[in-house]
Amino acid sequence: MHNYNFRLVTKDYFHSRVVFILQKTGGWSTLILLYKTERMMKDSMQKPFFELDEKTKSIILELLSTCKRIDLGNFNFVYYNSCSFNLVEFKSYWQLTVCTENRSNRSYYRDIYKITDKIIYDYSETD
């Protein structure tokens, strides 16, 4: 059994997956792509990082209605400097992503919702 040491070269996001690019130390210098999901499934996490209250949900649904009326396929905004909201249109639903930052450890939390006729929490992910 071989023991290898790797160092993290970079970390990026691609379609809700984290892409870690690692470099093997000592001997051969090769780059390895490691796809690791940091999606927290519904069964392991039942609630979002940022809870949407009824007033916020109402505002989002009104903005969504306006987006549909003016044929705008996506929209984002920052809500009281606390978090950012991103609405994106897909074929059969809209997706809402709520992004908050934990400033103490500089990590980001994203809550993903699906919107058809109401806002439904889907999952959360973090860096």
N, C-alpha and C. Protein backbone atom coordinates (compact mmCIF):
# COMPACT_ATOMS: atom_id res chain seq x y z
N MET A 1 0.84 -1.18 0.00
CA MET A 1 0.00 0.00 0.00
C MET A 1 0.88 1.25 0.00
N HIS A 2 0.59 2.18 -0.92
CA HIS A 2 1.38 3.39 -1.04
C HIS A 2 0.74 4.52 -0.25
N ASN A 3 1.56 5.36 0.30
CA ASN A 3 1.11 6.53 1.02
C ASN A 3 1.50 7.77 0.23
N TYR A 4 0.55 8.57 -0.18
CA TYR A 4 0.84 9.77 -0.95
C TYR A 4 0.35 10.98 -0.18
N ASN A 5 1.07 12.07 -0.33
CA ASN A 5 0.65 13.33 0.26
C ASN A 5 0.21 14.25 -0.88
N PHE A 6 -0.87 14.95 -0.64
CA PHE A 6 -1.38 15.89 -1.63
C PHE A 6 -1.54 17.25 -0.98
N ARG A 7 -1.43 18.28 -1.80
CA ARG A 7 -1.73 19.63 -1.31
C ARG A 7 -2.82 20.22 -2.18
N LEU A 8 -3.67 21.01 -1.56
CA LEU A 8 -4.78 21.63 -2.28
C LEU A 8 -4.26 22.77 -3.13
N VAL A 9 -4.52 22.72 -4.43
CA VAL A 9 -4.10 23.77 -5.34
C VAL A 9 -5.20 24.83 -5.46
N THR A 10 -6.40 24.38 -5.69
CA THR A 10 -7.53 25.30 -5.80
C THR A 10 -8.83 24.57 -5.54
N LYS A 11 -9.87 25.33 -5.30
CA LYS A 11 -11.20 24.79 -5.03
C LYS A 11 -12.19 25.65 -5.80
N ASP A 12 -13.10 25.04 -6.53
CA ASP A 12 -14.04 25.79 -7.33
C ASP A 12 -15.38 25.07 -7.31
N TYR A 13 -16.43 25.74 -7.80
CA TYR A 13 -17.77 25.17 -7.80
C TYR A 13 -18.25 24.96 -9.22
N PHE A 14 -18.91 23.83 -9.43
CA PHE A 14 -19.46 23.51 -10.74
C PHE A 14 -20.72 22.69 -10.55
N HIS A 15 -21.87 23.26 -10.85
CA HIS A 15 -23.16 22.59 -10.75
C HIS A 15 -23.37 21.92 -9.39
N SER A 16 -23.29 22.70 -8.32
CA SER A 16 -23.54 22.23 -6.95
C SER A 16 -22.54 21.18 -6.49
N ARG A 17 -21.44 21.09 -7.13
CA ARG A 17 -20.38 20.18 -6.70
C ARG A 17 -19.12 20.99 -6.47
N VAL A 18 -18.33 20.56 -5.54
CA VAL A 18 -17.07 21.22 -5.27
C VAL A 18 -15.99 20.46 -6.04
N VAL A 19 -15.18 21.17 -6.77
CA VAL A 19 -14.10 20.56 -7.51
C VAL A 19 -12.80 20.89 -6.78
N PHE A 20 -12.14 19.88 -6.25
CA PHE A 20 -10.86 20.06 -5.59
C PHE A 20 -9.78 19.68 -6.59
N ILE A 21 -8.84 20.54 -6.82
CA ILE A 21 -7.70 20.21 -7.66
C ILE A 21 -6.51 20.03 -6.73
N LEU A 22 -6.00 18.80 -6.71
CA LEU A 22 -4.93 18.45 -5.79
C LEU A 22 -3.65 18.18 -6.56
N GLN A 23 -2.51 18.46 -5.93
CA GLN A 23 -1.23 18.16 -6.54
C GLN A 23 -0.49 17.18 -5.65
N LYS A 24 0.00 16.12 -6.27
CA LYS A 24 0.75 15.10 -5.55
C LYS A 24 2.13 15.66 -5.20
N THR A 25 2.52 15.54 -3.95
CA THR A 25 3.83 16.06 -3.54
C THR A 25 4.84 14.93 -3.53
N GLY A 26 6.05 15.25 -3.89
CA GLY A 26 7.12 14.27 -3.91
C GLY A 26 7.02 13.38 -5.13
N GLY A 27 8.11 13.21 -5.83
CA GLY A 27 8.07 12.35 -7.01
C GLY A 27 7.33 13.01 -8.15
N TRP A 28 6.32 12.32 -8.64
CA TRP A 28 5.56 12.82 -9.78
C TRP A 28 4.72 14.02 -9.39
N SER A 29 4.63 14.98 -10.28
CA SER A 29 3.78 16.14 -10.08
C SER A 29 2.58 16.00 -11.01
N THR A 30 1.51 15.48 -10.53
CA THR A 30 0.32 15.32 -11.35
C THR A 30 -0.85 16.02 -10.69
N LEU A 31 -1.75 16.50 -11.52
CA LEU A 31 -2.96 17.12 -11.00
C LEU A 31 -4.07 16.09 -11.00
N ILE A 32 -4.81 16.05 -9.95
CA ILE A 32 -5.91 15.10 -9.82
C ILE A 32 -7.19 15.89 -9.58
N LEU A 33 -8.24 15.56 -10.32
CA LEU A 33 -9.54 16.18 -10.09
C LEU A 33 -10.35 15.27 -9.19
N LEU A 34 -10.83 15.81 -8.12
CA LEU A 34 -11.64 15.05 -7.19
C LEU A 34 -12.98 15.77 -7.08
N TYR A 35 -14.05 15.10 -7.48
CA TYR A 35 -15.38 15.69 -7.39
C TYR A 35 -16.01 15.22 -6.09
N LYS A 36 -16.33 16.15 -5.27
CA LYS A 36 -16.96 15.81 -4.00
C LYS A 36 -18.15 16.74 -3.81
N THR A 37 -19.28 16.16 -3.59
CA THR A 37 -20.45 16.99 -3.35
C THR A 37 -20.49 17.41 -1.90
N GLU A 38 -20.84 18.66 -1.68
CA GLU A 38 -21.05 19.13 -0.33
C GLU A 38 -22.53 19.46 -0.13
N ARG A 39 -23.35 18.85 -0.93
CA ARG A 39 -24.79 19.04 -0.80
C ARG A 39 -25.26 18.28 0.42
N MET A 40 -26.02 18.93 1.24
CA MET A 40 -26.58 18.28 2.42
C MET A 40 -27.98 17.81 2.06
N MET A 41 -28.17 16.53 2.02
CA MET A 41 -29.44 15.98 1.58
C MET A 41 -30.55 16.24 2.59
N LYS A 42 -31.77 16.19 2.12
CA LYS A 42 -32.92 16.48 2.96
C LYS A 42 -32.98 15.62 4.21
N ASP A 43 -32.61 14.36 4.10
CA ASP A 43 -32.72 13.49 5.26
C ASP A 43 -31.68 13.82 6.33
N SER A 44 -30.55 14.45 5.95
CA SER A 44 -29.55 14.79 6.95
C SER A 44 -29.70 16.21 7.46
N MET A 45 -30.43 17.05 6.73
CA MET A 45 -30.63 18.43 7.17
C MET A 45 -32.04 18.86 6.79
N GLN A 46 -32.87 19.06 7.77
CA GLN A 46 -34.27 19.36 7.50
C GLN A 46 -34.58 20.85 7.41
N LYS A 47 -33.64 21.73 7.73
CA LYS A 47 -33.97 23.15 7.67
C LYS A 47 -32.83 23.95 7.06
N PRO A 48 -33.16 25.08 6.46
CA PRO A 48 -32.13 25.91 5.82
C PRO A 48 -31.29 26.68 6.85
N PHE A 49 -30.17 27.21 6.38
CA PHE A 49 -29.33 28.04 7.23
C PHE A 49 -30.03 29.37 7.54
N PHE A 50 -30.69 29.95 6.53
CA PHE A 50 -31.40 31.22 6.68
C PHE A 50 -32.88 30.95 6.53
N GLU A 51 -33.62 31.10 7.60
CA GLU A 51 -35.07 30.85 7.56
C GLU A 51 -35.78 32.01 6.86
N LEU A 52 -36.62 31.70 5.91
CA LEU A 52 -37.42 32.72 5.24
C LEU A 52 -38.71 32.93 6.01
N ASP A 53 -38.93 34.16 6.45
CA ASP A 53 -40.19 34.45 7.13
C ASP A 53 -41.28 34.71 6.08
N GLU A 54 -42.50 34.83 6.51
CA GLU A 54 -43.63 34.99 5.58
C GLU A 54 -43.53 36.28 4.78
N LYS A 55 -43.08 37.36 5.41
CA LYS A 55 -42.94 38.64 4.69
C LYS A 55 -41.90 38.52 3.57
N THR A 56 -40.78 37.88 3.86
CA THR A 56 -39.74 37.68 2.85
C THR A 56 -40.25 36.80 1.72
N LYS A 57 -40.96 35.73 2.04
CA LYS A 57 -41.54 34.87 1.01
C LYS A 57 -42.50 35.65 0.12
N SER A 58 -43.30 36.49 0.73
CA SER A 58 -44.25 37.31 -0.03
C SER A 58 -43.52 38.25 -0.98
N ILE A 59 -42.45 38.87 -0.51
CA ILE A 59 -41.65 39.78 -1.35
C ILE A 59 -41.06 39.01 -2.53
N ILE A 60 -40.51 37.84 -2.25
CA ILE A 60 -39.90 37.03 -3.31
C ILE A 60 -40.93 36.62 -4.35
N LEU A 61 -42.12 36.21 -3.91
CA LEU A 61 -43.17 35.82 -4.86
C LEU A 61 -43.64 37.00 -5.70
N GLU A 62 -43.69 38.21 -5.12
CA GLU A 62 -44.05 39.40 -5.89
C GLU A 62 -42.98 39.73 -6.92
N LEU A 63 -41.70 39.62 -6.51
CA LEU A 63 -40.61 39.84 -7.46
C LEU A 63 -40.64 38.81 -8.59
N LEU A 64 -40.92 37.57 -8.23
CA LEU A 64 -41.03 36.51 -9.23
C LEU A 64 -42.15 36.80 -10.22
N SER A 65 -43.26 37.27 -9.72
CA SER A 65 -44.39 37.62 -10.58
C SER A 65 -43.99 38.72 -11.56
N THR A 66 -43.23 39.70 -11.08
CA THR A 66 -42.75 40.77 -11.95
C THR A 66 -41.77 40.24 -12.99
N CYS A 67 -40.88 39.34 -12.57
CA CYS A 67 -39.93 38.73 -13.51
C CYS A 67 -40.66 38.00 -14.63
N LYS A 68 -41.70 37.26 -14.27
CA LYS A 68 -42.48 36.54 -15.28
C LYS A 68 -43.19 37.51 -16.22
N ARG A 69 -43.75 38.59 -15.65
CA ARG A 69 -44.50 39.55 -16.44
C ARG A 69 -43.62 40.26 -17.47
N ILE A 70 -42.39 40.59 -17.09
CA ILE A 70 -41.50 41.31 -18.01
C ILE A 70 -40.54 40.37 -18.75
N ASP A 71 -40.75 39.05 -18.59
CA ASP A 71 -39.95 38.03 -19.28
C ASP A 71 -38.47 38.15 -18.93
N LEU A 72 -38.19 38.23 -17.64
CA LEU A 72 -36.82 38.29 -17.13
C LEU A 72 -36.48 36.93 -16.55
N GLY A 73 -35.49 36.24 -17.12
CA GLY A 73 -35.18 34.86 -16.76
C GLY A 73 -34.40 34.67 -15.48
N ASN A 74 -33.76 35.73 -14.98
CA ASN A 74 -33.09 35.62 -13.69
C ASN A 74 -33.00 36.99 -13.04
N PHE A 75 -32.81 36.97 -11.73
CA PHE A 75 -32.81 38.21 -10.95
C PHE A 75 -32.08 37.95 -9.65
N ASN A 76 -31.24 38.90 -9.22
CA ASN A 76 -30.61 38.75 -7.90
C ASN A 76 -30.60 40.08 -7.16
N PHE A 77 -30.57 39.99 -5.84
CA PHE A 77 -30.57 41.17 -5.00
C PHE A 77 -30.02 40.82 -3.63
N VAL A 78 -29.58 41.87 -2.91
CA VAL A 78 -29.09 41.72 -1.55
C VAL A 78 -30.16 42.28 -0.62
N TYR A 79 -30.49 41.52 0.41
CA TYR A 79 -31.58 41.85 1.31
C TYR A 79 -31.03 42.37 2.63
N TYR A 80 -31.15 43.65 2.88
CA TYR A 80 -30.70 44.29 4.12
C TYR A 80 -29.27 43.93 4.50
N ASN A 81 -28.38 43.86 3.53
CA ASN A 81 -26.97 43.53 3.74
C ASN A 81 -26.74 42.24 4.51
N SER A 82 -27.73 41.38 4.59
CA SER A 82 -27.56 40.15 5.37
C SER A 82 -27.31 38.94 4.48
N CYS A 83 -27.93 38.89 3.31
CA CYS A 83 -27.73 37.75 2.41
C CYS A 83 -28.14 38.15 1.00
N SER A 84 -27.68 37.35 0.05
CA SER A 84 -28.05 37.61 -1.34
C SER A 84 -29.04 36.56 -1.81
N PHE A 85 -29.92 36.98 -2.69
CA PHE A 85 -30.95 36.12 -3.26
C PHE A 85 -30.75 36.06 -4.77
N ASN A 86 -30.91 34.89 -5.32
CA ASN A 86 -30.76 34.71 -6.76
C ASN A 86 -31.93 33.86 -7.27
N LEU A 87 -32.71 34.42 -8.16
CA LEU A 87 -33.83 33.71 -8.79
C LEU A 87 -33.44 33.34 -10.21
N VAL A 88 -33.61 32.08 -10.57
CA VAL A 88 -33.27 31.59 -11.91
C VAL A 88 -34.43 30.77 -12.44
N GLU A 89 -34.79 31.03 -13.70
CA GLU A 89 -35.89 30.30 -14.33
C GLU A 89 -35.37 29.03 -15.00
N PHE A 90 -36.03 27.90 -14.72
CA PHE A 90 -35.80 26.64 -15.41
C PHE A 90 -37.05 26.30 -16.20
N LYS A 91 -37.05 25.21 -16.93
CA LYS A 91 -38.20 24.88 -17.78
C LYS A 91 -39.50 24.72 -17.00
N SER A 92 -39.47 23.97 -15.90
CA SER A 92 -40.72 23.68 -15.19
C SER A 92 -40.84 24.36 -13.82
N TYR A 93 -39.83 25.09 -13.40
CA TYR A 93 -39.87 25.76 -12.10
C TYR A 93 -38.85 26.88 -12.06
N TRP A 94 -38.92 27.67 -11.01
CA TRP A 94 -37.90 28.67 -10.71
C TRP A 94 -37.09 28.17 -9.53
N GLN A 95 -35.82 28.54 -9.49
CA GLN A 95 -34.97 28.17 -8.36
C GLN A 95 -34.54 29.44 -7.62
N LEU A 96 -34.66 29.40 -6.32
CA LEU A 96 -34.20 30.49 -5.46
C LEU A 96 -32.99 29.99 -4.68
N THR A 97 -31.90 30.74 -4.75
CA THR A 97 -30.71 30.45 -3.96
C THR A 97 -30.50 31.60 -2.99
N VAL A 98 -30.43 31.27 -1.71
CA VAL A 98 -30.18 32.26 -0.66
C VAL A 98 -28.77 32.01 -0.15
N CYS A 99 -27.90 33.00 -0.29
CA CYS A 99 -26.50 32.85 0.08
C CYS A 99 -26.18 33.75 1.28
N THR A 100 -25.68 33.14 2.35
CA THR A 100 -25.26 33.89 3.53
C THR A 100 -23.79 33.60 3.79
N GLU A 101 -23.13 34.54 4.46
CA GLU A 101 -21.71 34.38 4.75
C GLU A 101 -21.50 34.29 6.26
N ASN A 102 -20.68 33.36 6.67
CA ASN A 102 -20.24 33.27 8.06
C ASN A 102 -18.91 34.00 8.11
N ARG A 103 -18.91 35.21 8.62
CA ARG A 103 -17.70 36.03 8.59
C ARG A 103 -16.61 35.54 9.53
N SER A 104 -16.97 34.78 10.54
CA SER A 104 -15.95 34.31 11.48
C SER A 104 -15.00 33.31 10.84
N ASN A 105 -15.51 32.44 9.96
CA ASN A 105 -14.62 31.48 9.30
C ASN A 105 -14.62 31.62 7.78
N ARG A 106 -15.19 32.72 7.28
CA ARG A 106 -15.20 33.07 5.86
C ARG A 106 -15.76 31.95 4.98
N SER A 107 -16.80 31.31 5.44
CA SER A 107 -17.46 30.29 4.63
C SER A 107 -18.83 30.80 4.20
N TYR A 108 -19.35 30.18 3.15
CA TYR A 108 -20.64 30.59 2.61
C TYR A 108 -21.63 29.44 2.73
N TYR A 109 -22.88 29.81 2.98
CA TYR A 109 -23.96 28.84 3.08
C TYR A 109 -24.99 29.18 2.02
N ARG A 110 -25.45 28.18 1.30
CA ARG A 110 -26.46 28.39 0.28
C ARG A 110 -27.65 27.47 0.55
N ASP A 111 -28.82 28.07 0.57
CA ASP A 111 -30.07 27.34 0.69
C ASP A 111 -30.75 27.38 -0.68
N ILE A 112 -31.16 26.22 -1.16
CA ILE A 112 -31.76 26.12 -2.49
C ILE A 112 -33.25 25.78 -2.33
N TYR A 113 -34.07 26.56 -3.01
CA TYR A 113 -35.52 26.37 -2.98
C TYR A 113 -36.02 26.18 -4.41
N LYS A 114 -37.09 25.42 -4.56
CA LYS A 114 -37.80 25.33 -5.83
C LYS A 114 -39.10 26.09 -5.67
N ILE A 115 -39.44 26.84 -6.72
CA ILE A 115 -40.67 27.62 -6.68
C ILE A 115 -41.54 27.21 -7.86
N THR A 116 -42.71 26.70 -7.55
CA THR A 116 -43.73 26.45 -8.58
C THR A 116 -44.86 27.43 -8.29
N ASP A 117 -45.79 27.06 -7.43
CA ASP A 117 -46.80 28.01 -6.98
C ASP A 117 -46.50 28.49 -5.56
N LYS A 118 -45.54 27.83 -4.88
CA LYS A 118 -45.08 28.26 -3.56
C LYS A 118 -43.59 27.96 -3.43
N ILE A 119 -42.97 28.49 -2.40
CA ILE A 119 -41.54 28.31 -2.17
C ILE A 119 -41.33 27.06 -1.33
N ILE A 120 -40.57 26.10 -1.88
CA ILE A 120 -40.34 24.81 -1.21
C ILE A 120 -38.84 24.63 -1.01
N TYR A 121 -38.42 24.44 0.23
CA TYR A 121 -37.02 24.19 0.54
C TYR A 121 -36.58 22.86 -0.08
N ASP A 122 -35.43 22.88 -0.76
CA ASP A 122 -34.91 21.68 -1.40
C ASP A 122 -33.69 21.13 -0.65
N TYR A 123 -32.62 21.90 -0.55
CA TYR A 123 -31.42 21.45 0.15
C TYR A 123 -30.52 22.64 0.46
N SER A 124 -29.45 22.39 1.20
CA SER A 124 -28.46 23.41 1.52
C SER A 124 -27.07 22.88 1.18
N GLU A 125 -26.15 23.81 0.94
CA GLU A 125 -24.77 23.42 0.70
C GLU A 125 -23.86 24.50 1.30
N THR A 126 -22.61 24.13 1.53
CA THR A 126 -21.65 25.04 2.14
C THR A 126 -20.28 24.82 1.54
N ASP A 127 -19.39 25.81 1.73
CA ASP A 127 -18.01 25.63 1.30
C ASP A 127 -17.24 24.99 2.41
